[in-house]
Protein backbone atom coordinates (compact mmCIF):
# COMPACT_ATOMS: atom_id res chain seq x y z
CA MET A 1 -54.24 -37.43 -41.60
CA PHE A 2 -50.52 -36.82 -41.28
CA PHE A 3 -50.81 -36.88 -37.49
CA ARG A 4 -52.72 -40.20 -37.54
CA ALA A 5 -50.04 -41.70 -39.69
CA ILE A 6 -47.40 -40.73 -37.24
CA GLN A 7 -49.47 -42.19 -34.32
CA TRP A 8 -49.90 -45.49 -36.27
CA GLU A 9 -46.12 -45.75 -36.93
CA VAL A 10 -45.34 -45.12 -33.30
CA HIS A 11 -47.92 -47.85 -32.38
CA VAL A 12 -46.44 -50.38 -34.73
CA LYS A 13 -42.93 -49.68 -33.46
CA ARG A 14 -44.11 -50.25 -29.91
CA LEU A 15 -45.72 -53.51 -30.93
CA ILE A 16 -42.52 -54.74 -32.60
CA ALA A 17 -40.44 -53.72 -29.58
CA GLY A 18 -42.86 -55.54 -27.29
CA CYS A 19 -42.68 -58.64 -29.41
CA LEU A 20 -38.91 -58.59 -29.48
CA PHE A 21 -38.81 -58.23 -25.74
CA LEU A 22 -41.11 -61.20 -25.28
CA VAL A 23 -39.01 -63.31 -27.63
CA ALA A 24 -35.84 -62.35 -25.77
CA THR A 25 -37.37 -63.08 -22.46
CA ALA A 26 -38.66 -66.49 -23.61
CA ALA A 27 -35.25 -67.34 -24.95
CA THR A 28 -33.59 -66.39 -21.64
CA GLN A 29 -36.09 -68.46 -19.67
CA ALA A 30 -35.61 -71.41 -21.93
CA ALA A 31 -31.80 -71.17 -21.53
CA GLY A 32 -32.18 -70.99 -17.82
CA ALA A 33 -34.44 -74.02 -17.83
CA GLN A 34 -31.98 -76.23 -19.70
CA GLU A 35 -30.67 -79.31 -17.80
CA PRO A 36 -27.41 -78.45 -15.99
CA LYS A 37 -24.25 -80.10 -17.18
CA PRO A 38 -23.94 -83.55 -15.61
CA THR A 39 -21.19 -84.34 -13.07
CA ILE A 40 -18.58 -86.64 -14.56
CA VAL A 41 -17.53 -89.44 -12.20
CA LEU A 42 -14.37 -91.27 -13.18
CA VAL A 43 -13.40 -94.74 -11.96
CA HIS A 44 -9.93 -95.99 -12.45
CA GLY A 45 -8.97 -99.62 -13.03
CA ALA A 46 -6.35 -102.09 -11.92
CA PHE A 47 -2.63 -101.13 -11.97
CA ALA A 48 -3.62 -97.42 -12.13
CA ASP A 49 -4.93 -94.76 -9.81
CA SER A 50 -7.05 -91.62 -9.95
CA SER A 51 -4.05 -89.56 -11.19
CA SER A 52 -4.37 -91.43 -14.52
CA TRP A 53 -7.35 -89.22 -15.23
CA ASN A 54 -5.44 -85.96 -14.71
CA GLY A 55 -5.30 -84.95 -18.38
CA VAL A 56 -8.98 -85.74 -18.91
CA ILE A 57 -9.98 -83.92 -15.78
CA SER A 58 -8.29 -80.68 -16.76
CA ARG A 59 -9.96 -80.69 -20.17
CA LEU A 60 -13.40 -81.46 -18.73
CA GLU A 61 -13.08 -78.75 -16.07
CA ASP A 62 -11.88 -76.23 -18.66
CA ASP A 63 -15.14 -76.97 -20.50
CA GLY A 64 -17.29 -76.36 -17.33
CA TYR A 65 -17.90 -79.85 -16.03
CA ARG A 66 -17.72 -80.80 -12.39
CA VAL A 67 -15.52 -83.92 -12.15
CA ILE A 68 -15.00 -86.41 -9.38
CA ALA A 69 -12.29 -89.09 -9.52
CA ALA A 70 -13.85 -91.84 -7.47
CA PRO A 71 -11.94 -94.19 -5.16
CA ASP A 72 -11.65 -97.75 -6.43
CA ALA A 73 -10.43 -100.25 -3.84
CA LEU A 74 -9.90 -103.02 -6.47
CA ARG A 75 -11.07 -105.60 -3.97
CA SER A 76 -14.39 -106.97 -5.51
CA VAL A 77 -16.82 -105.93 -8.08
CA ARG A 78 -19.77 -105.70 -5.81
CA GLY A 79 -17.87 -104.08 -2.96
CA ASP A 80 -16.16 -101.55 -5.18
CA ALA A 81 -19.43 -100.83 -7.01
CA ARG A 82 -21.27 -100.13 -3.63
CA ILE A 83 -18.65 -97.45 -2.81
CA VAL A 84 -19.06 -95.80 -6.30
CA SER A 85 -22.85 -96.18 -6.09
CA SER A 86 -22.87 -94.30 -2.76
CA LEU A 87 -20.84 -91.57 -4.14
CA VAL A 88 -23.17 -91.22 -7.18
CA ARG A 89 -26.14 -91.18 -4.92
CA SER A 90 -24.65 -88.17 -3.16
CA VAL A 91 -24.38 -86.11 -6.28
CA SER A 92 -27.24 -83.69 -7.02
CA GLY A 93 -28.27 -83.83 -10.65
CA PRO A 94 -27.37 -86.08 -13.64
CA VAL A 95 -24.17 -88.10 -13.69
CA VAL A 96 -21.99 -89.62 -16.47
CA LEU A 97 -20.10 -92.70 -15.16
CA VAL A 98 -16.74 -93.40 -16.73
CA GLY A 99 -14.71 -96.53 -16.08
CA HIS A 100 -11.27 -97.65 -17.15
CA SER A 101 -10.33 -101.29 -17.46
CA TYR A 102 -11.71 -103.17 -14.45
CA GLY A 103 -13.48 -99.94 -13.54
CA GLY A 104 -15.87 -100.75 -16.40
CA SER A 105 -17.06 -103.75 -14.46
CA VAL A 106 -17.57 -101.45 -11.45
CA ILE A 107 -19.58 -98.76 -13.22
CA SER A 108 -21.77 -101.42 -15.00
CA GLU A 109 -22.87 -102.58 -11.56
CA ALA A 110 -22.73 -99.27 -9.65
CA ALA A 111 -25.17 -97.59 -12.09
CA SER A 112 -27.73 -100.41 -12.06
CA GLU A 113 -29.92 -98.84 -9.31
CA GLN A 114 -28.99 -95.14 -9.68
CA SER A 115 -31.67 -93.06 -11.44
CA ASN A 116 -29.37 -90.05 -11.86
CA VAL A 117 -26.85 -91.83 -14.09
CA LYS A 118 -27.59 -90.71 -17.67
CA ALA A 119 -24.71 -92.48 -19.53
CA LEU A 120 -21.83 -94.81 -19.35
CA VAL A 121 -18.37 -94.38 -20.91
CA TYR A 122 -16.06 -97.31 -21.21
CA VAL A 123 -12.35 -96.39 -21.55
CA ALA A 124 -10.41 -99.54 -22.57
CA ALA A 125 -12.76 -101.11 -20.11
CA PHE A 126 -14.68 -104.29 -19.44
CA ALA A 127 -18.44 -104.13 -20.04
CA PRO A 128 -19.45 -107.62 -18.69
CA ASP A 129 -22.89 -109.13 -18.97
CA ALA A 130 -24.47 -110.92 -15.98
CA GLY A 131 -22.44 -113.87 -14.80
CA GLU A 132 -19.28 -112.84 -16.74
CA THR A 133 -15.90 -112.07 -15.31
CA ALA A 134 -13.07 -109.84 -16.35
CA LEU A 135 -10.77 -112.81 -16.59
CA GLY A 136 -13.24 -114.74 -18.70
CA LEU A 137 -13.77 -111.92 -21.12
CA THR A 138 -9.98 -111.47 -21.54
CA GLY A 139 -9.47 -115.17 -22.21
CA ARG A 140 -12.29 -115.46 -24.73
CA PHE A 141 -10.21 -113.60 -27.30
CA ALA A 142 -6.63 -113.85 -28.34
CA GLY A 143 -4.22 -110.98 -27.85
CA SER A 144 -3.74 -110.30 -24.08
CA THR A 145 -0.18 -110.60 -22.81
CA LEU A 146 -0.99 -109.54 -19.19
CA ALA A 147 -0.46 -112.91 -17.54
CA ALA A 148 3.14 -113.05 -18.64
CA ALA A 149 3.75 -109.48 -17.48
CA LEU A 150 2.65 -109.97 -13.90
CA SER A 151 5.15 -110.20 -11.02
CA ALA A 152 4.85 -112.88 -8.30
CA PRO A 153 1.43 -112.59 -6.57
CA VAL A 154 1.37 -111.06 -3.08
CA PRO A 155 -0.59 -113.44 -0.73
CA LEU A 156 -3.21 -111.72 1.43
CA GLY A 157 -4.57 -114.76 3.20
CA SER A 158 -7.74 -116.80 2.71
CA GLY A 159 -6.45 -117.83 -0.73
CA VAL A 160 -6.60 -114.23 -2.12
CA SER A 161 -3.52 -112.49 -3.64
CA ASP A 162 -2.73 -108.99 -4.89
CA LEU A 163 -1.49 -108.71 -8.44
CA TYR A 164 1.00 -106.21 -9.79
CA ILE A 165 2.57 -105.72 -13.21
CA ASP A 166 6.36 -106.29 -13.10
CA ARG A 167 7.94 -102.89 -13.17
CA ASP A 168 10.40 -103.82 -15.90
CA LYS A 169 7.44 -104.94 -18.17
CA PHE A 170 5.00 -102.20 -17.15
CA ARG A 171 5.60 -99.74 -20.03
CA ALA A 172 5.47 -102.25 -22.78
CA GLN A 173 2.51 -104.02 -21.31
CA PHE A 174 0.39 -101.21 -19.95
CA ALA A 175 1.51 -97.83 -21.25
CA ALA A 176 3.61 -98.24 -24.40
CA ASP A 177 2.56 -94.93 -25.91
CA VAL A 178 3.26 -93.04 -22.71
CA PRO A 179 6.69 -91.16 -22.18
CA PRO A 180 9.18 -93.46 -20.35
CA GLU A 181 9.51 -91.19 -17.36
CA THR A 182 5.72 -91.00 -16.94
CA ALA A 183 5.46 -94.72 -17.26
CA ARG A 184 8.20 -95.20 -14.65
CA LEU A 185 6.19 -93.15 -12.14
CA MET A 186 2.98 -95.03 -13.03
CA ALA A 187 4.71 -98.35 -12.43
CA ALA A 188 5.89 -97.26 -9.03
CA GLY A 189 2.41 -95.96 -8.00
CA GLN A 190 0.37 -98.74 -9.54
CA ARG A 191 -2.55 -100.03 -7.43
CA PRO A 192 -2.73 -103.78 -7.23
CA ILE A 193 -6.02 -105.67 -7.80
CA ALA A 194 -7.12 -108.64 -5.77
CA ASP A 195 -7.06 -111.76 -8.09
CA ALA A 196 -10.57 -112.66 -6.71
CA ALA A 197 -11.99 -109.43 -8.17
CA LEU A 198 -11.05 -110.53 -11.76
CA LYS A 199 -12.80 -113.85 -11.19
CA GLU A 200 -15.93 -112.49 -9.62
CA PRO A 201 -19.13 -112.83 -11.77
CA SER A 202 -20.85 -109.53 -12.60
CA GLY A 203 -24.37 -108.71 -11.85
CA ALA A 204 -27.06 -107.36 -14.21
CA PRO A 205 -25.30 -104.66 -16.32
CA ALA A 206 -26.55 -101.07 -16.47
CA TRP A 207 -25.49 -100.84 -20.09
CA ARG A 208 -28.59 -102.79 -20.95
CA ARG A 209 -30.80 -99.79 -20.00
CA LEU A 210 -28.40 -96.88 -20.36
CA PRO A 211 -26.68 -95.44 -23.47
CA SER A 212 -22.96 -96.18 -23.62
CA TRP A 213 -19.84 -94.95 -25.37
CA PHE A 214 -16.55 -96.88 -25.93
CA VAL A 215 -13.01 -95.83 -26.54
CA PHE A 216 -9.89 -98.07 -26.73
CA GLY A 217 -6.48 -98.31 -28.26
CA ASP A 218 -5.66 -100.65 -31.05
CA GLN A 219 -2.46 -101.61 -29.30
CA ASP A 220 -4.10 -102.55 -25.94
CA ARG A 221 -2.18 -105.53 -24.61
CA ASN A 222 -4.31 -105.99 -21.45
CA ILE A 223 -7.78 -106.39 -22.97
CA PRO A 224 -7.79 -107.78 -26.59
CA VAL A 225 -9.07 -105.44 -29.24
CA ALA A 226 -11.49 -108.06 -30.40
CA ALA A 227 -12.94 -108.11 -26.88
CA HIS A 228 -13.45 -104.29 -26.93
CA ARG A 229 -15.23 -104.50 -30.24
CA PHE A 230 -17.39 -107.30 -29.08
CA MET A 231 -18.49 -105.58 -25.87
CA ALA A 232 -19.20 -102.23 -27.66
CA LYS A 233 -21.33 -104.02 -30.32
CA ARG A 234 -23.15 -106.04 -27.75
CA ALA A 235 -23.96 -102.97 -25.60
CA GLY A 236 -25.29 -101.09 -28.68
CA ALA A 237 -22.72 -98.29 -28.14
CA LYS A 238 -23.81 -94.84 -29.32
CA ALA A 239 -20.18 -94.29 -30.54
CA THR A 240 -17.00 -96.41 -30.63
CA LEU A 241 -13.62 -94.85 -30.88
CA GLN A 242 -10.59 -96.87 -31.67
CA VAL A 243 -7.44 -94.84 -31.15
CA GLU A 244 -4.65 -95.72 -33.50
CA GLY A 245 -1.46 -96.67 -31.60
CA GLY A 246 -3.22 -96.37 -28.28
CA SER A 247 -2.17 -98.49 -25.34
CA HIS A 248 -4.32 -99.66 -22.47
CA VAL A 249 -4.15 -96.25 -20.84
CA VAL A 250 -5.66 -94.13 -23.66
CA MET A 251 -6.78 -91.63 -21.15
CA VAL A 252 -3.22 -90.88 -20.21
CA SER A 253 -1.81 -90.83 -23.78
CA HIS A 254 -4.83 -89.38 -25.59
CA PRO A 255 -6.72 -87.34 -22.97
CA GLY A 256 -8.19 -85.01 -25.58
CA GLU A 257 -9.91 -87.72 -27.52
CA VAL A 258 -11.22 -89.37 -24.36
CA ALA A 259 -12.46 -86.06 -22.88
CA ARG A 260 -14.31 -85.25 -26.14
CA LEU A 261 -16.01 -88.70 -26.11
CA ILE A 262 -17.10 -88.14 -22.52
CA GLU A 263 -18.51 -84.70 -23.42
CA GLN A 264 -20.37 -86.29 -26.30
CA ALA A 265 -22.03 -88.67 -23.91
CA ALA A 266 -22.75 -85.80 -21.45
CA ALA A 267 -24.46 -83.73 -24.13
CA ALA A 268 -26.55 -86.54 -25.54
CA ARG A 269 -30.30 -86.47 -25.08
């Protein structure tokens, strides 16, 4: 009797150990089957360049994300979108597309035919509907002082000109919450945008089928705050973050907040 009791105890212990092993194996397999972290593709806007994402990139990479700062020629919405779309197509796995300023118009169009884009993040960016222009969205709401801050246009021929922000007005207009020395370097390295790109009507926007997130500063002097709120509401944004004291380049002055919002979009199901 005593011997049988010992045998039964050993049998039960073996059963428990076997069950624990099966549970642990199933948990490991489930973890391995989880969708990999998406690649984050960042698209800069007018009067900026890819270095404007540096603070955001370092935070995303520290958290295990693969990040690509896409080139943006700032020549035309469709042309720039084709370049970004080709880049996205070359990425294996899911992608979160992030656009700043005019870059928002670009990602709205670039993601329209890409099945691997899972989310859009607009960083002080335009989210135009079909037929809308960046210039038209800016003028629909009061508050932008960009026109008065531009220097003389640089003619390119065929009636097209490049637009720059006057260096003496750059910090106040574009990057008021950025340290003066940083703003000075940004002004020197700013990328001009072709005026035609700001007047080009957008195509069918990807935000109508994809989830979107919005972040902008309440001191944005390029795109009126009312325009940001309107676009976020219209797109049915999953989250909208308004940064107190934030300028048009919130990704430079508040990279932590911007990176966290991007990660929120990346983790969403």
